[in-house]
Protein backbone atom coordinates (compact mmCIF):
# COMPACT_ATOMS: atom_id res chain seq x y z
CA MET A 1 -25.52 27.30 -41.86
CA GLN A 2 -26.31 31.00 -42.23
CA ARG A 3 -28.84 30.75 -39.40
CA GLN A 4 -26.19 29.27 -37.04
CA VAL A 5 -23.75 32.05 -37.82
CA ILE A 6 -26.40 34.70 -37.17
CA MET A 7 -27.45 33.07 -33.85
CA THR A 8 -23.82 32.77 -32.73
CA ALA A 9 -23.09 36.41 -33.59
CA LEU A 10 -26.25 37.53 -31.75
CA ALA A 11 -25.34 35.49 -28.64
CA LEU A 12 -21.78 36.85 -28.60
CA SER A 13 -22.98 40.44 -28.96
CA LEU A 14 -25.42 39.95 -26.06
CA LEU A 15 -22.70 38.46 -23.85
CA SER A 16 -20.26 41.23 -24.67
CA GLY A 17 -22.81 43.72 -23.35
CA CYS A 18 -22.83 41.96 -19.97
CA ALA A 19 -19.64 43.47 -18.61
CA SER A 20 -20.93 43.22 -15.05
CA PHE A 21 -21.14 39.37 -15.19
CA GLY A 22 -17.77 39.14 -13.45
CA THR A 23 -19.26 40.75 -10.31
CA SER A 24 -22.66 39.13 -10.64
CA ARG A 25 -24.02 36.52 -8.20
CA LEU A 26 -24.72 34.32 -11.23
CA ASN A 27 -20.98 33.82 -11.67
CA PRO A 28 -20.02 30.65 -9.73
CA VAL A 29 -16.57 32.06 -9.01
CA ASN A 30 -18.19 34.76 -6.83
CA TRP A 31 -20.42 32.46 -4.79
CA PHE A 32 -18.07 32.23 -1.79
CA GLY A 33 -16.07 35.40 -2.07
CA PRO A 34 -12.34 35.81 -1.49
CA SER A 35 -10.44 34.04 1.28
CA GLN A 36 -9.64 35.89 4.49
CA ALA A 37 -6.71 35.54 6.84
CA VAL A 38 -7.73 34.33 10.30
CA PRO A 39 -5.41 34.60 13.29
CA ALA A 40 -4.56 31.30 14.97
CA THR A 41 -5.50 32.42 18.49
CA GLN A 42 -8.24 30.93 20.60
CA GLN A 43 -9.09 34.13 22.44
CA GLY A 44 -12.43 35.50 21.37
CA GLN A 45 -12.79 33.08 18.50
CA LYS A 46 -14.67 29.84 18.28
CA VAL A 47 -12.28 26.93 17.70
CA THR A 48 -13.83 24.18 15.64
CA VAL A 49 -12.51 20.68 16.20
CA VAL A 50 -12.99 18.51 13.15
CA PRO A 51 -14.19 15.04 14.15
CA THR A 52 -11.88 12.18 13.27
CA LEU A 53 -12.60 8.65 12.19
CA ALA A 54 -9.83 7.26 14.41
CA PRO A 55 -10.93 5.21 17.42
CA LYS A 56 -10.88 7.03 20.77
CA ARG A 57 -8.34 4.61 22.25
CA GLY A 58 -6.21 4.57 19.11
CA TYR A 59 -5.65 1.83 16.62
CA PRO A 60 -4.79 -1.63 17.92
CA GLU A 61 -1.27 -2.84 17.29
CA PHE A 62 -1.13 -5.05 14.20
CA GLN A 63 -0.54 -8.73 14.84
CA ASP A 64 0.07 -11.07 11.95
CA THR A 65 -2.24 -14.07 12.43
CA ARG A 66 -0.92 -16.00 9.45
CA LEU A 67 0.80 -19.31 10.02
CA LEU A 68 4.40 -20.18 9.21
CA VAL A 69 4.69 -22.44 6.17
CA PRO A 70 4.96 -26.07 7.36
CA SER A 71 8.00 -26.95 5.24
CA LEU A 72 10.60 -25.06 3.18
CA ALA A 73 11.60 -26.70 -0.11
CA ASP A 74 14.06 -24.10 -1.43
CA VAL A 75 15.47 -20.61 -0.80
CA SER A 76 17.48 -18.67 -3.36
CA ILE A 77 18.78 -15.16 -3.93
CA VAL A 78 19.17 -13.47 -7.32
CA LYS A 79 20.98 -10.19 -7.99
CA SER A 80 18.76 -7.49 -9.50
CA ALA A 81 19.28 -3.94 -10.75
CA SER A 82 18.14 -2.43 -7.45
CA GLY A 83 19.63 -5.01 -5.08
CA ALA A 84 18.57 -8.63 -4.74
CA ILE A 85 15.46 -10.81 -4.83
CA VAL A 86 15.02 -13.51 -2.20
CA THR A 87 12.79 -16.34 -3.39
CA ALA A 88 11.44 -19.07 -1.12
CA THR A 89 9.38 -22.14 -2.01
CA GLY A 90 7.30 -23.85 0.65
CA LEU A 91 5.33 -27.07 0.69
CA VAL A 92 1.84 -27.02 2.25
CA PRO A 93 -0.26 -30.03 3.31
CA SER A 94 -3.23 -29.31 1.02
CA LEU A 95 -4.48 -26.93 -1.66
CA GLY A 96 -6.06 -23.55 -0.92
CA TYR A 97 -3.37 -21.71 1.05
CA TYR A 98 -3.12 -18.03 0.13
CA ASP A 99 -1.79 -14.60 1.19
CA ALA A 100 1.81 -15.83 1.32
CA GLU A 101 4.58 -13.35 2.13
CA LEU A 102 8.14 -13.17 3.39
CA VAL A 103 7.83 -11.00 6.51
CA ARG A 104 10.91 -9.24 7.86
CA ILE A 105 11.60 -9.83 11.56
CA GLU A 106 13.79 -7.38 13.47
CA THR A 107 16.92 -8.87 15.01
CA ASP A 108 19.71 -7.59 17.24
CA ASN A 109 22.32 -8.53 14.64
CA PRO A 110 22.43 -5.94 11.80
CA ALA A 111 24.35 -8.40 9.59
CA GLU A 112 21.45 -10.86 9.58
CA LEU A 113 18.18 -10.59 7.67
CA LEU A 114 15.50 -12.80 9.23
CA LEU A 115 12.39 -13.53 7.17
CA ASP A 116 9.31 -15.50 8.20
CA PHE A 117 7.48 -17.37 5.41
CA ARG A 118 3.87 -16.68 6.42
CA LEU A 119 0.64 -17.71 4.74
CA ARG A 120 -3.05 -18.07 5.46
CA ALA A 121 -4.68 -21.49 5.66
CA PRO A 122 -7.91 -22.25 3.76
CA SER A 123 -11.11 -21.77 5.74
CA LYS A 124 -12.62 -25.07 4.62
CA VAL A 125 -11.35 -28.56 3.86
CA THR A 126 -9.69 -28.72 0.43
CA ALA A 127 -8.20 -31.42 -1.76
CA ILE A 128 -4.69 -32.61 -1.04
CA GLY A 129 -3.35 -32.54 -4.61
CA ASN A 130 0.08 -33.67 -5.71
CA GLU A 131 3.38 -32.20 -4.50
CA ALA A 132 3.77 -29.81 -7.45
CA GLN A 133 0.31 -28.34 -6.78
CA ARG A 134 1.07 -27.82 -3.10
CA LYS A 135 4.22 -25.73 -3.65
CA ILE A 136 3.95 -22.01 -2.94
CA THR A 137 6.68 -19.60 -4.06
CA VAL A 138 7.09 -16.08 -2.69
CA ALA A 139 9.70 -13.39 -3.27
CA ARG A 140 10.91 -10.22 -1.57
CA THR A 141 13.20 -7.50 -2.86
CA ILE A 142 16.11 -6.17 -0.84
CA GLN A 143 17.53 -2.77 -1.72
CA ASP A 144 21.26 -2.28 -2.32
CA ARG A 145 21.61 0.01 0.70
CA ASP A 146 20.15 -2.69 2.98
CA LEU A 147 22.10 -5.48 1.30
CA GLN A 148 25.48 -3.83 1.98
CA ASN A 149 25.29 -4.61 5.71
CA ILE A 150 23.70 -8.07 5.41
CA SER A 151 25.86 -11.18 5.34
CA THR A 152 23.28 -13.82 6.32
CA ILE A 153 19.69 -14.27 5.13
CA THR A 154 17.55 -16.71 7.11
CA VAL A 155 14.06 -17.83 6.07
CA ARG A 156 12.04 -19.53 8.81
CA ALA A 157 9.29 -22.13 8.52
CA SER A 158 7.43 -24.01 11.23
CA ASN A 159 9.69 -27.09 10.98
CA GLY A 160 13.02 -25.29 10.57
CA SER A 161 14.81 -22.68 8.52
CA ARG A 162 17.18 -22.23 5.61
CA VAL A 163 20.20 -19.91 5.57
CA ILE A 164 22.00 -18.17 2.70
CA ARG A 165 25.42 -16.65 3.41
CA ARG A 166 27.38 -14.18 1.30
């Protein structure tokens, strides 16, 4: 214990004698020096263009390749603290469907909310299963500010649609 105290005191006294450490090149804070203001002109100065990872022709426009659910079993709306929750249940022909979502579709009528029930089909043949196993339920929240103008909510499937009116 006494040896540790002596070694610590000796190390501290040696470090206190190094007053020039703040300006030393051993100090990592001094490795790059202070920042300098650079004028934003191109005359007489080399302009460096940082390469981007974006494609030269831009990003392609996103296209949803998911299918519409074959059949809608139920659509409901429940009031929530921040607005409402629209819930839709679809029936698929076999097991293995995934990536289901209610996708908002823009319409000309501001009083109508149009949602597509989209999902991705399995990549290989799967079992058929019973009806309860083939049901898929998805939900989407609608904020109060959006809900104020909406009087009709329509959920579309490939064989038809269901409508909820306020």
